[in-house]
């Protein structure tokens, strides 16, 4: 079990947790997210670790998906078994390769998180764990990626029925620090919105029946 560093509580008993330094292949959430490549055939980093930990069953299901839909486009997500992993499912999503930040990278990265949560929701899963998508070999600046990831996850959770718990499983201290900074910034914004809502309710007062 990974080390919980901080947690953001949202409405409807939902939460976003930040763990690290940690190994996503050890997570016991209903699903973990694999920072995959478009071929879905495994690779280095998180992708390779998940395939090694889960065994051949993951690759076999990936082959069936590729046979059906071809290569997985960046920003999209699909689901397979977790094989031998503690998590029952792996959701594979392809992050953007960072070039200059002017080629839609931010929207594609946000889509990875939204689509992964959508897939989890479609399968009535309650919990999901994410790595820091695209911040390794794909070169996305960690601070920017963290802001996008945390914002996208919280926005996606606003409309979920089943998914109530999201974890960020962060591999090293520098990545953990970046995501904690993003979490603090967003938590401040959320607190301000709650205060504004409470003030509005106080001004309007209780509604009277006509």
N, C-alpha and C. Protein backbone atom coordinates (compact mmCIF):
# COMPACT_ATOMS: atom_id res chain seq x y z
N UNK A 1 0.85 -1.19 0.00
CA UNK A 1 0.00 0.00 0.00
C UNK A 1 0.88 1.24 0.00
N UNK A 2 0.57 2.23 -0.84
CA UNK A 2 1.40 3.41 -0.97
C UNK A 2 1.13 4.39 0.18
N UNK A 3 2.03 5.35 0.34
CA UNK A 3 1.94 6.33 1.41
C UNK A 3 1.06 7.50 0.99
N UNK A 4 -0.02 7.73 1.75
CA UNK A 4 -0.90 8.86 1.48
C UNK A 4 -0.26 10.13 2.03
N UNK A 5 -0.12 11.14 1.17
CA UNK A 5 0.49 12.40 1.59
C UNK A 5 -0.57 13.45 1.87
N UNK A 6 -1.56 13.56 0.99
CA UNK A 6 -2.64 14.51 1.22
C UNK A 6 -3.89 14.06 0.47
N UNK A 7 -5.02 14.67 0.83
CA UNK A 7 -6.30 14.29 0.21
C UNK A 7 -7.16 15.54 0.08
N UNK A 8 -7.85 15.66 -1.06
CA UNK A 8 -8.83 16.72 -1.26
C UNK A 8 -10.21 16.09 -1.18
N UNK A 9 -11.05 16.62 -0.31
CA UNK A 9 -12.42 16.14 -0.19
C UNK A 9 -13.34 16.98 -1.06
N UNK A 10 -14.17 16.30 -1.82
CA UNK A 10 -15.10 16.96 -2.73
C UNK A 10 -16.53 16.68 -2.28
N UNK A 11 -17.50 17.22 -3.01
CA UNK A 11 -18.90 16.96 -2.70
C UNK A 11 -19.24 15.49 -2.95
N UNK A 12 -20.34 15.04 -2.37
CA UNK A 12 -20.86 13.68 -2.57
C UNK A 12 -19.88 12.60 -2.12
N UNK A 13 -19.11 12.89 -1.07
CA UNK A 13 -18.18 11.92 -0.47
C UNK A 13 -17.10 11.45 -1.45
N UNK A 14 -16.76 12.30 -2.40
CA UNK A 14 -15.69 11.98 -3.35
C UNK A 14 -14.38 12.58 -2.87
N UNK A 15 -13.28 11.97 -3.31
CA UNK A 15 -11.98 12.47 -2.87
C UNK A 15 -10.91 12.22 -3.92
N UNK A 16 -9.86 13.05 -3.85
CA UNK A 16 -8.67 12.89 -4.69
C UNK A 16 -7.48 12.80 -3.75
N UNK A 17 -6.72 11.71 -3.88
CA UNK A 17 -5.59 11.48 -2.99
C UNK A 17 -4.27 11.58 -3.75
N UNK A 18 -3.23 11.92 -3.00
CA UNK A 18 -1.89 12.04 -3.57
C UNK A 18 -0.94 11.17 -2.76
N UNK A 19 -0.35 10.18 -3.43
CA UNK A 19 0.51 9.20 -2.77
C UNK A 19 1.91 9.25 -3.38
N UNK A 20 2.92 9.04 -2.57
CA UNK A 20 4.25 8.96 -3.13
C UNK A 20 5.36 9.12 -2.10
N UNK A 21 6.58 8.87 -2.54
CA UNK A 21 6.89 8.13 -3.77
C UNK A 21 6.28 6.72 -3.71
N UNK A 22 5.77 6.26 -4.83
CA UNK A 22 4.99 5.02 -4.80
C UNK A 22 5.04 4.29 -6.14
N UNK A 23 4.64 3.03 -6.09
CA UNK A 23 4.65 2.13 -7.25
C UNK A 23 3.20 1.80 -7.60
N UNK A 24 2.74 2.25 -8.76
CA UNK A 24 1.34 2.07 -9.13
C UNK A 24 0.96 0.60 -9.30
N UNK A 25 1.93 -0.26 -9.59
CA UNK A 25 1.61 -1.67 -9.78
C UNK A 25 1.20 -2.35 -8.47
N UNK A 26 1.40 -1.69 -7.35
CA UNK A 26 1.02 -2.25 -6.05
C UNK A 26 -0.36 -1.78 -5.59
N UNK A 27 -0.99 -0.92 -6.36
CA UNK A 27 -2.24 -0.31 -5.93
C UNK A 27 -3.41 -1.30 -5.94
N UNK A 28 -4.32 -1.11 -4.98
CA UNK A 28 -5.47 -2.00 -4.82
C UNK A 28 -6.78 -1.33 -5.24
N UNK A 29 -6.69 -0.21 -5.95
CA UNK A 29 -7.90 0.41 -6.48
C UNK A 29 -8.54 -0.53 -7.50
N UNK A 30 -9.80 -0.27 -7.84
CA UNK A 30 -10.49 -1.11 -8.82
C UNK A 30 -9.73 -1.14 -10.15
N UNK A 31 -9.16 0.00 -10.51
CA UNK A 31 -8.39 0.09 -11.76
C UNK A 31 -7.17 0.97 -11.54
N UNK A 32 -6.12 0.68 -12.27
CA UNK A 32 -4.98 1.59 -12.37
C UNK A 32 -4.87 2.01 -13.82
N UNK A 33 -4.30 3.18 -14.04
CA UNK A 33 -4.16 3.69 -15.41
C UNK A 33 -2.73 3.48 -15.88
N UNK A 34 -2.63 2.95 -17.08
CA UNK A 34 -1.34 2.74 -17.72
C UNK A 34 -1.06 3.87 -18.70
N UNK A 35 0.09 4.53 -18.55
CA UNK A 35 0.52 5.53 -19.52
C UNK A 35 1.08 4.77 -20.73
N UNK A 36 0.17 4.39 -21.60
CA UNK A 36 0.49 3.47 -22.69
C UNK A 36 1.02 4.20 -23.92
N UNK A 37 1.52 3.42 -24.88
CA UNK A 37 1.78 3.96 -26.21
C UNK A 37 0.67 3.48 -27.14
N UNK A 38 0.57 4.07 -28.31
CA UNK A 38 -0.57 3.81 -29.19
C UNK A 38 -0.67 2.36 -29.66
N UNK A 39 0.45 1.64 -29.63
CA UNK A 39 0.43 0.24 -30.09
C UNK A 39 -0.20 -0.68 -29.06
N UNK A 40 -0.23 -0.26 -27.78
CA UNK A 40 -0.72 -1.07 -26.66
C UNK A 40 0.07 -2.35 -26.46
N UNK A 41 1.28 -2.37 -26.98
CA UNK A 41 2.08 -3.59 -26.89
C UNK A 41 3.11 -3.55 -25.77
N UNK A 42 2.98 -2.59 -24.87
CA UNK A 42 3.94 -2.49 -23.77
C UNK A 42 5.11 -1.62 -24.17
N UNK A 43 5.91 -1.25 -23.19
CA UNK A 43 7.06 -0.39 -23.47
C UNK A 43 7.89 -0.20 -22.22
N UNK A 44 8.45 0.99 -22.06
CA UNK A 44 9.27 1.26 -20.90
C UNK A 44 8.49 1.95 -19.81
N UNK A 45 9.16 2.34 -18.74
CA UNK A 45 8.54 3.08 -17.66
C UNK A 45 7.35 2.39 -17.04
N UNK A 46 6.29 3.17 -16.75
CA UNK A 46 5.08 2.64 -16.13
C UNK A 46 4.46 1.56 -17.01
N UNK A 47 4.45 1.79 -18.30
CA UNK A 47 3.86 0.84 -19.25
C UNK A 47 4.49 -0.55 -19.10
N UNK A 48 5.80 -0.59 -19.14
CA UNK A 48 6.50 -1.87 -19.02
C UNK A 48 6.29 -2.52 -17.66
N UNK A 49 6.31 -1.71 -16.61
CA UNK A 49 6.14 -2.24 -15.26
C UNK A 49 4.76 -2.87 -15.09
N UNK A 50 3.73 -2.24 -15.66
CA UNK A 50 2.38 -2.78 -15.55
C UNK A 50 2.25 -4.09 -16.32
N UNK A 51 2.80 -4.15 -17.51
CA UNK A 51 2.74 -5.40 -18.29
C UNK A 51 3.52 -6.51 -17.60
N UNK A 52 4.68 -6.19 -17.04
CA UNK A 52 5.45 -7.22 -16.33
C UNK A 52 4.71 -7.70 -15.09
N UNK A 53 4.13 -6.77 -14.35
CA UNK A 53 3.44 -7.14 -13.12
C UNK A 53 2.16 -7.90 -13.37
N UNK A 54 1.45 -7.52 -14.43
CA UNK A 54 0.16 -8.16 -14.70
C UNK A 54 0.25 -9.44 -15.48
N UNK A 55 1.37 -9.66 -16.16
CA UNK A 55 1.54 -10.89 -16.92
C UNK A 55 0.90 -10.83 -18.30
N UNK A 56 0.93 -11.95 -19.01
CA UNK A 56 0.52 -11.99 -20.43
C UNK A 56 -0.95 -11.72 -20.68
N UNK A 57 -1.80 -11.86 -19.67
CA UNK A 57 -3.24 -11.66 -19.89
C UNK A 57 -3.53 -10.23 -20.35
N UNK A 58 -2.78 -9.26 -19.85
CA UNK A 58 -2.99 -7.87 -20.25
C UNK A 58 -2.67 -7.69 -21.73
N UNK A 59 -1.53 -8.20 -22.15
CA UNK A 59 -1.12 -8.07 -23.55
C UNK A 59 -2.09 -8.76 -24.48
N UNK A 60 -2.59 -9.91 -24.09
CA UNK A 60 -3.53 -10.64 -24.94
C UNK A 60 -4.79 -9.82 -25.18
N UNK A 61 -5.29 -9.17 -24.13
CA UNK A 61 -6.48 -8.34 -24.32
C UNK A 61 -6.16 -7.08 -25.13
N UNK A 62 -4.97 -6.55 -24.95
CA UNK A 62 -4.55 -5.40 -25.75
C UNK A 62 -4.51 -5.76 -27.24
N UNK A 63 -4.01 -6.95 -27.55
CA UNK A 63 -3.96 -7.38 -28.94
C UNK A 63 -5.35 -7.46 -29.56
N UNK A 64 -6.31 -7.91 -28.78
CA UNK A 64 -7.69 -8.01 -29.27
C UNK A 64 -8.26 -6.61 -29.54
N UNK A 65 -7.93 -5.67 -28.65
CA UNK A 65 -8.41 -4.30 -28.83
C UNK A 65 -7.82 -3.69 -30.10
N UNK A 66 -6.51 -3.86 -30.28
CA UNK A 66 -5.84 -3.32 -31.46
C UNK A 66 -6.38 -3.95 -32.73
N UNK A 67 -6.67 -5.23 -32.69
CA UNK A 67 -7.24 -5.92 -33.85
C UNK A 67 -8.59 -5.32 -34.22
N UNK A 68 -9.32 -4.87 -33.20
CA UNK A 68 -10.66 -4.33 -33.43
C UNK A 68 -10.64 -2.87 -33.85
N UNK A 69 -9.81 -2.04 -33.18
CA UNK A 69 -9.88 -0.59 -33.41
C UNK A 69 -8.61 0.01 -34.00
N UNK A 70 -7.56 -0.79 -34.10
CA UNK A 70 -6.28 -0.25 -34.56
C UNK A 70 -5.53 0.42 -33.42
N UNK A 71 -4.59 1.27 -33.75
CA UNK A 71 -3.81 1.96 -32.72
C UNK A 71 -4.69 2.90 -31.91
N UNK A 72 -4.40 3.02 -30.64
CA UNK A 72 -5.20 3.87 -29.76
C UNK A 72 -4.73 5.33 -29.90
N UNK A 73 -5.62 6.22 -30.28
CA UNK A 73 -5.22 7.63 -30.43
C UNK A 73 -4.86 8.27 -29.08
N UNK A 74 -3.99 9.24 -29.11
CA UNK A 74 -3.64 9.98 -27.91
C UNK A 74 -4.89 10.66 -27.34
N UNK A 75 -5.01 10.61 -26.01
CA UNK A 75 -6.16 11.21 -25.34
C UNK A 75 -7.33 10.28 -25.13
N UNK A 76 -7.27 9.09 -25.73
CA UNK A 76 -8.35 8.11 -25.57
C UNK A 76 -7.96 7.06 -24.54
N UNK A 77 -8.92 6.19 -24.16
CA UNK A 77 -8.66 5.18 -23.13
C UNK A 77 -9.45 3.91 -23.40
N UNK A 78 -8.86 2.78 -23.05
CA UNK A 78 -9.51 1.47 -23.15
C UNK A 78 -9.19 0.68 -21.89
N UNK A 79 -9.94 -0.38 -21.65
CA UNK A 79 -9.79 -1.14 -20.41
C UNK A 79 -9.48 -2.61 -20.69
N UNK A 80 -8.63 -3.19 -19.86
CA UNK A 80 -8.34 -4.63 -19.90
C UNK A 80 -8.35 -5.18 -18.48
N UNK A 81 -8.15 -6.46 -18.40
CA UNK A 81 -7.94 -7.10 -17.11
C UNK A 81 -6.67 -6.55 -16.46
N UNK A 82 -6.58 -6.73 -15.15
CA UNK A 82 -5.35 -6.40 -14.45
C UNK A 82 -4.40 -7.58 -14.34
N UNK A 83 -4.85 -8.75 -14.85
CA UNK A 83 -3.99 -9.93 -14.78
C UNK A 83 -3.59 -10.25 -13.36
N UNK A 84 -2.30 -10.34 -13.10
CA UNK A 84 -1.80 -10.69 -11.76
C UNK A 84 -1.65 -9.49 -10.83
N UNK A 85 -2.01 -8.31 -11.31
CA UNK A 85 -1.89 -7.12 -10.48
C UNK A 85 -2.95 -7.12 -9.37
N UNK A 86 -2.72 -6.40 -8.28
CA UNK A 86 -3.76 -6.28 -7.25
C UNK A 86 -5.03 -5.61 -7.78
N UNK A 87 -4.88 -4.63 -8.66
CA UNK A 87 -6.04 -3.99 -9.28
C UNK A 87 -6.69 -4.95 -10.28
N UNK A 88 -8.01 -4.97 -10.30
CA UNK A 88 -8.71 -5.90 -11.18
C UNK A 88 -8.64 -5.48 -12.65
N UNK A 89 -8.45 -4.19 -12.88
CA UNK A 89 -8.48 -3.69 -14.25
C UNK A 89 -7.31 -2.74 -14.49
N UNK A 90 -6.91 -2.65 -15.75
CA UNK A 90 -5.97 -1.63 -16.20
C UNK A 90 -6.67 -0.81 -17.28
N UNK A 91 -6.66 0.50 -17.10
CA UNK A 91 -7.18 1.40 -18.13
C UNK A 91 -5.97 2.01 -18.83
N UNK A 92 -5.89 1.80 -20.12
CA UNK A 92 -4.73 2.24 -20.91
C UNK A 92 -5.08 3.55 -21.60
N UNK A 93 -4.24 4.56 -21.42
CA UNK A 93 -4.46 5.84 -22.07
C UNK A 93 -3.14 6.36 -22.62
N UNK A 94 -3.20 6.95 -23.79
CA UNK A 94 -2.00 7.43 -24.48
C UNK A 94 -1.88 8.94 -24.30
N UNK A 95 -0.83 9.36 -23.62
CA UNK A 95 -0.61 10.79 -23.41
C UNK A 95 0.05 11.45 -24.61
N UNK A 96 0.06 12.77 -24.62
CA UNK A 96 0.69 13.50 -25.72
C UNK A 96 2.20 13.55 -25.58
N UNK A 97 2.90 13.55 -26.70
CA UNK A 97 4.33 13.85 -26.70
C UNK A 97 4.47 15.37 -26.69
N UNK A 98 5.17 15.89 -25.69
CA UNK A 98 5.28 17.34 -25.56
C UNK A 98 6.30 17.89 -26.56
N UNK A 99 5.86 18.88 -27.32
CA UNK A 99 6.76 19.52 -28.28
C UNK A 99 7.01 20.97 -27.87
N UNK A 100 5.99 21.79 -28.00
CA UNK A 100 6.16 23.19 -27.60
C UNK A 100 4.96 23.73 -26.83
N UNK A 101 3.98 22.87 -26.54
CA UNK A 101 2.80 23.30 -25.81
C UNK A 101 1.78 24.03 -26.64
N UNK A 102 2.03 24.13 -27.96
CA UNK A 102 1.14 24.88 -28.83
C UNK A 102 0.43 23.98 -29.84
N UNK A 103 0.50 22.68 -29.63
CA UNK A 103 -0.08 21.74 -30.59
C UNK A 103 -1.17 20.88 -29.96
N UNK A 104 -1.87 21.47 -29.01
CA UNK A 104 -3.00 20.78 -28.38
C UNK A 104 -2.59 19.81 -27.29
N UNK A 105 -1.35 19.90 -26.82
CA UNK A 105 -0.89 18.94 -25.81
C UNK A 105 -1.72 18.98 -24.53
N UNK A 106 -2.06 20.19 -24.10
CA UNK A 106 -2.81 20.33 -22.84
C UNK A 106 -4.18 19.67 -22.93
N UNK A 107 -4.88 19.89 -24.02
CA UNK A 107 -6.21 19.31 -24.18
C UNK A 107 -6.13 17.78 -24.29
N UNK A 108 -5.11 17.28 -24.98
CA UNK A 108 -4.95 15.83 -25.09
C UNK A 108 -4.65 15.22 -23.73
N UNK A 109 -3.79 15.88 -22.95
CA UNK A 109 -3.47 15.36 -21.63
C UNK A 109 -4.69 15.36 -20.73
N UNK A 110 -5.45 16.45 -20.74
CA UNK A 110 -6.68 16.50 -19.94
C UNK A 110 -7.65 15.40 -20.36
N UNK A 111 -7.71 15.15 -21.67
CA UNK A 111 -8.59 14.10 -22.18
C UNK A 111 -8.20 12.72 -21.66
N UNK A 112 -6.91 12.47 -21.48
CA UNK A 112 -6.48 11.18 -20.91
C UNK A 112 -7.15 10.93 -19.57
N UNK A 113 -7.19 11.95 -18.73
CA UNK A 113 -7.80 11.80 -17.41
C UNK A 113 -9.32 11.70 -17.50
N UNK A 114 -9.92 12.55 -18.30
CA UNK A 114 -11.38 12.50 -18.46
C UNK A 114 -11.83 11.16 -19.02
N UNK A 115 -11.17 10.72 -20.09
CA UNK A 115 -11.57 9.47 -20.74
C UNK A 115 -11.34 8.26 -19.84
N UNK A 116 -10.27 8.27 -19.08
CA UNK A 116 -10.01 7.16 -18.16
C UNK A 116 -11.09 7.07 -17.10
N UNK A 117 -11.50 8.23 -16.57
CA UNK A 117 -12.57 8.23 -15.57
C UNK A 117 -13.89 7.82 -16.22
N UNK A 118 -14.11 8.25 -17.47
CA UNK A 118 -15.33 7.84 -18.17
C UNK A 118 -15.38 6.33 -18.35
N UNK A 119 -14.27 5.72 -18.73
CA UNK A 119 -14.23 4.27 -18.89
C UNK A 119 -14.49 3.58 -17.56
N UNK A 120 -13.88 4.08 -16.49
CA UNK A 120 -14.13 3.51 -15.17
C UNK A 120 -15.60 3.64 -14.79
N UNK A 121 -16.17 4.78 -15.09
CA UNK A 121 -17.59 5.02 -14.80
C UNK A 121 -18.47 4.06 -15.59
N UNK A 122 -18.14 3.87 -16.87
CA UNK A 122 -18.92 2.95 -17.72
C UNK A 122 -18.91 1.53 -17.19
N UNK A 123 -17.85 1.17 -16.44
CA UNK A 123 -17.75 -0.18 -15.89
C UNK A 123 -18.09 -0.22 -14.40
N UNK A 124 -18.73 0.85 -13.93
CA UNK A 124 -19.21 0.93 -12.54
C UNK A 124 -18.11 0.72 -11.52
N UNK A 125 -16.91 1.20 -11.81
CA UNK A 125 -15.80 1.09 -10.88
C UNK A 125 -15.85 2.26 -9.89
N UNK A 126 -15.39 2.01 -8.68
CA UNK A 126 -15.46 3.04 -7.65
C UNK A 126 -14.16 3.81 -7.46
N UNK A 127 -13.04 3.16 -7.75
CA UNK A 127 -11.75 3.80 -7.48
C UNK A 127 -10.77 3.58 -8.62
N UNK A 128 -9.91 4.56 -8.83
CA UNK A 128 -8.96 4.52 -9.94
C UNK A 128 -7.68 5.24 -9.52
N UNK A 129 -6.55 4.73 -9.98
CA UNK A 129 -5.25 5.33 -9.64
C UNK A 129 -4.53 5.73 -10.92
N UNK A 130 -3.98 6.94 -10.92
CA UNK A 130 -3.27 7.49 -12.07
C UNK A 130 -1.79 7.67 -11.79
N UNK A 131 -0.95 7.43 -12.80
CA UNK A 131 0.44 7.90 -12.74
C UNK A 131 0.49 9.33 -13.27
N UNK A 132 1.66 9.90 -13.35
CA UNK A 132 1.83 11.24 -13.93
C UNK A 132 2.01 11.08 -15.43
N UNK A 133 0.91 11.01 -16.15
CA UNK A 133 0.91 10.71 -17.59
C UNK A 133 1.74 11.73 -18.37
N UNK A 134 2.56 11.23 -19.27
CA UNK A 134 3.37 12.01 -20.24
C UNK A 134 4.56 12.75 -19.63
N UNK A 135 4.81 12.61 -18.33
CA UNK A 135 5.91 13.37 -17.73
C UNK A 135 7.26 12.65 -17.79
N UNK A 136 7.27 11.42 -18.31
CA UNK A 136 8.52 10.68 -18.45
C UNK A 136 9.13 10.90 -19.82
N UNK A 137 9.17 9.83 -20.60
CA UNK A 137 9.81 9.88 -21.92
C UNK A 137 9.11 10.85 -22.87
N UNK A 138 7.82 11.14 -22.63
CA UNK A 138 7.09 12.04 -23.52
C UNK A 138 7.37 13.51 -23.22
N UNK A 139 8.08 13.79 -22.14
CA UNK A 139 8.66 15.10 -21.92
C UNK A 139 7.76 16.23 -21.48
N UNK A 140 6.57 15.93 -20.97
CA UNK A 140 5.68 17.02 -20.56
C UNK A 140 6.24 17.67 -19.29
N UNK A 141 6.39 19.00 -19.25
CA UNK A 141 6.88 19.66 -18.03
C UNK A 141 6.01 19.30 -16.82
N UNK A 142 6.63 18.87 -15.76
CA UNK A 142 5.89 18.30 -14.64
C UNK A 142 4.92 19.29 -14.01
N UNK A 143 5.35 20.53 -13.81
CA UNK A 143 4.47 21.51 -13.17
C UNK A 143 3.21 21.75 -14.00
N UNK A 144 3.38 21.86 -15.31
CA UNK A 144 2.22 22.07 -16.18
C UNK A 144 1.33 20.84 -16.21
N UNK A 145 1.94 19.67 -16.29
CA UNK A 145 1.17 18.42 -16.34
C UNK A 145 0.37 18.24 -15.05
N UNK A 146 0.95 18.60 -13.92
CA UNK A 146 0.27 18.45 -12.63
C UNK A 146 -0.98 19.32 -12.57
N UNK A 147 -0.86 20.57 -12.99
CA UNK A 147 -2.02 21.47 -12.98
C UNK A 147 -3.15 20.92 -13.85
N UNK A 148 -2.79 20.44 -15.03
CA UNK A 148 -3.79 19.90 -15.95
C UNK A 148 -4.43 18.65 -15.37
N UNK A 149 -3.63 17.76 -14.82
CA UNK A 149 -4.13 16.49 -14.30
C UNK A 149 -5.10 16.69 -13.16
N UNK A 150 -4.71 17.49 -12.19
CA UNK A 150 -5.56 17.69 -11.00
C UNK A 150 -6.86 18.38 -11.38
N UNK A 151 -6.78 19.40 -12.22
CA UNK A 151 -7.99 20.11 -12.65
C UNK A 151 -8.93 19.20 -13.43
N UNK A 152 -8.37 18.40 -14.35
CA UNK A 152 -9.20 17.51 -15.18
C UNK A 152 -9.89 16.46 -14.34
N UNK A 153 -9.19 15.90 -13.37
CA UNK A 153 -9.77 14.86 -12.52
C UNK A 153 -10.92 15.42 -11.69
N UNK A 154 -10.70 16.57 -11.07
CA UNK A 154 -11.75 17.15 -10.22
C UNK A 154 -12.97 17.53 -11.06
N UNK A 155 -12.74 18.05 -12.24
CA UNK A 155 -13.86 18.39 -13.12
C UNK A 155 -14.63 17.14 -13.54
N UNK A 156 -13.91 16.06 -13.85
CA UNK A 156 -14.56 14.82 -14.28
C UNK A 156 -15.37 14.20 -13.15
N UNK A 157 -14.87 14.28 -11.93
CA UNK A 157 -15.56 13.69 -10.78
C UNK A 157 -16.90 14.38 -10.49
N UNK A 158 -17.07 15.59 -10.97
CA UNK A 158 -18.30 16.33 -10.69
C UNK A 158 -19.53 15.63 -11.26
N UNK A 159 -19.34 14.81 -12.30
CA UNK A 159 -20.49 14.18 -12.95
C UNK A 159 -20.50 12.66 -12.84
N UNK A 160 -19.67 12.08 -11.96
CA UNK A 160 -19.64 10.62 -11.86
C UNK A 160 -20.68 10.11 -10.85
N UNK A 161 -21.20 8.95 -11.16
CA UNK A 161 -22.13 8.26 -10.26
C UNK A 161 -21.41 7.19 -9.45
N UNK A 162 -20.50 6.47 -10.10
CA UNK A 162 -19.83 5.34 -9.46
C UNK A 162 -18.44 5.70 -8.94
N UNK A 163 -17.66 6.37 -9.74
CA UNK A 163 -16.28 6.69 -9.34
C UNK A 163 -16.31 7.76 -8.25
N UNK A 164 -15.79 7.40 -7.08
CA UNK A 164 -15.77 8.35 -5.95
C UNK A 164 -14.37 8.61 -5.42
N UNK A 165 -13.42 7.77 -5.79
CA UNK A 165 -12.07 7.90 -5.26
C UNK A 165 -11.04 7.85 -6.38
N UNK A 166 -10.21 8.89 -6.45
CA UNK A 166 -9.11 8.94 -7.42
C UNK A 166 -7.81 9.13 -6.66
N UNK A 167 -6.81 8.36 -7.05
CA UNK A 167 -5.49 8.50 -6.45
C UNK A 167 -4.49 8.88 -7.53
N UNK A 168 -3.59 9.77 -7.18
CA UNK A 168 -2.41 10.01 -8.01
C UNK A 168 -1.25 9.27 -7.33
N UNK A 169 -0.65 8.33 -8.06
CA UNK A 169 0.45 7.54 -7.54
C UNK A 169 1.72 8.04 -8.21
N UNK A 170 2.53 8.75 -7.44
CA UNK A 170 3.64 9.52 -7.99
C UNK A 170 4.97 8.88 -7.64
N UNK A 171 5.76 8.68 -8.67
CA UNK A 171 6.92 7.79 -8.58
C UNK A 171 8.06 8.33 -7.73
N UNK A 172 8.31 9.64 -7.81
CA UNK A 172 9.46 10.18 -7.07
C UNK A 172 9.08 11.49 -6.37
N UNK A 173 10.00 12.00 -5.57
CA UNK A 173 9.70 13.17 -4.75
C UNK A 173 9.47 14.43 -5.57
N UNK A 174 10.20 14.61 -6.66
CA UNK A 174 10.01 15.82 -7.46
C UNK A 174 8.63 15.85 -8.10
N UNK A 175 8.17 14.70 -8.58
CA UNK A 175 6.84 14.62 -9.17
C UNK A 175 5.77 14.81 -8.10
N UNK A 176 5.98 14.18 -6.96
CA UNK A 176 5.04 14.34 -5.84
C UNK A 176 4.92 15.81 -5.45
N UNK A 177 6.03 16.50 -5.35
CA UNK A 177 6.03 17.91 -4.96
C UNK A 177 5.23 18.75 -5.95
N UNK A 178 5.41 18.49 -7.24
CA UNK A 178 4.68 19.25 -8.26
C UNK A 178 3.18 19.04 -8.15
N UNK A 179 2.76 17.81 -7.92
CA UNK A 179 1.34 17.52 -7.82
C UNK A 179 0.73 18.04 -6.52
N UNK A 180 1.50 18.05 -5.45
CA UNK A 180 1.02 18.64 -4.21
C UNK A 180 0.83 20.14 -4.35
N UNK A 181 1.74 20.79 -5.08
CA UNK A 181 1.61 22.22 -5.33
C UNK A 181 0.34 22.50 -6.14
N UNK A 182 0.10 21.69 -7.17
CA UNK A 182 -1.12 21.84 -7.97
C UNK A 182 -2.36 21.62 -7.12
N UNK A 183 -2.30 20.64 -6.23
CA UNK A 183 -3.44 20.33 -5.36
C UNK A 183 -3.75 21.50 -4.43
N UNK A 184 -2.72 22.11 -3.87
CA UNK A 184 -2.92 23.24 -2.96
C UNK A 184 -3.55 24.42 -3.68
N UNK A 185 -3.09 24.69 -4.90
CA UNK A 185 -3.64 25.79 -5.68
C UNK A 185 -5.12 25.57 -5.97
N UNK A 186 -5.45 24.35 -6.39
CA UNK A 186 -6.83 24.06 -6.74
C UNK A 186 -7.71 24.00 -5.51
N UNK A 187 -7.17 23.49 -4.42
CA UNK A 187 -7.95 23.42 -3.18
C UNK A 187 -8.32 24.83 -2.71
N UNK A 188 -7.42 25.77 -2.88
CA UNK A 188 -7.70 27.16 -2.52
C UNK A 188 -8.84 27.71 -3.36
N UNK A 189 -8.82 27.42 -4.65
CA UNK A 189 -9.90 27.86 -5.54
C UNK A 189 -11.22 27.24 -5.12
N UNK A 190 -11.22 25.95 -4.79
CA UNK A 190 -12.44 25.27 -4.37
C UNK A 190 -12.99 25.86 -3.09
N UNK A 191 -12.09 26.16 -2.15
CA UNK A 191 -12.52 26.76 -0.88
C UNK A 191 -13.15 28.13 -1.11
N UNK A 192 -12.57 28.92 -2.02
CA UNK A 192 -13.13 30.23 -2.32
C UNK A 192 -14.52 30.10 -2.93
N UNK A 193 -14.71 29.11 -3.80
CA UNK A 193 -16.02 28.90 -4.41
C UNK A 193 -17.05 28.50 -3.36
N UNK A 194 -16.62 27.66 -2.40
CA UNK A 194 -17.53 27.25 -1.33
C UNK A 194 -17.93 28.45 -0.48
N UNK A 195 -16.96 29.32 -0.20
CA UNK A 195 -17.25 30.53 0.59
C UNK A 195 -18.21 31.43 -0.15
N UNK A 196 -17.99 31.61 -1.45
CA UNK A 196 -18.88 32.44 -2.26
C UNK A 196 -20.29 31.87 -2.27
N UNK A 197 -20.39 30.52 -2.34
CA UNK A 197 -21.70 29.88 -2.37
C UNK A 197 -22.43 30.06 -1.04
N UNK A 198 -21.67 29.92 0.07
CA UNK A 198 -22.27 30.11 1.39
C UNK A 198 -22.73 31.55 1.57
N UNK A 199 -21.94 32.51 1.08
CA UNK A 199 -22.31 33.91 1.20
C UNK A 199 -23.56 34.21 0.38
N UNK A 200 -23.66 33.62 -0.81
CA UNK A 200 -24.82 33.81 -1.64
C UNK A 200 -26.07 33.26 -0.96
N UNK A 201 -25.94 32.10 -0.33
CA UNK A 201 -27.06 31.51 0.38
C UNK A 201 -27.50 32.40 1.54
N UNK A 202 -26.52 33.01 2.23
CA UNK A 202 -26.84 33.89 3.35
C UNK A 202 -27.58 35.14 2.87
N UNK A 203 -27.17 35.68 1.73
CA UNK A 203 -27.81 36.88 1.19
C UNK A 203 -29.24 36.57 0.74
N UNK A 204 -29.38 35.45 0.04
CA UNK A 204 -30.70 35.11 -0.48
C UNK A 204 -31.65 34.68 0.63
N UNK A 205 -31.08 34.03 1.65
CA UNK A 205 -31.90 33.56 2.74
C UNK A 205 -32.76 32.37 2.34
N UNK A 206 -33.50 31.84 3.27
CA UNK A 206 -34.35 30.69 2.94
C UNK A 206 -35.48 31.09 2.00
N UNK A 207 -35.77 30.21 1.08
CA UNK A 207 -36.84 30.49 0.12
C UNK A 207 -38.20 30.28 0.78
N UNK A 208 -39.09 31.23 0.53
CA UNK A 208 -40.43 31.12 1.08
C UNK A 208 -41.39 30.58 0.02
N UNK A 209 -42.33 29.81 0.49
CA UNK A 209 -43.35 29.32 -0.43
C UNK A 209 -44.30 30.45 -0.80
N UNK A 210 -44.68 30.51 -2.06
CA UNK A 210 -45.61 31.58 -2.47
C UNK A 210 -46.98 31.39 -1.83
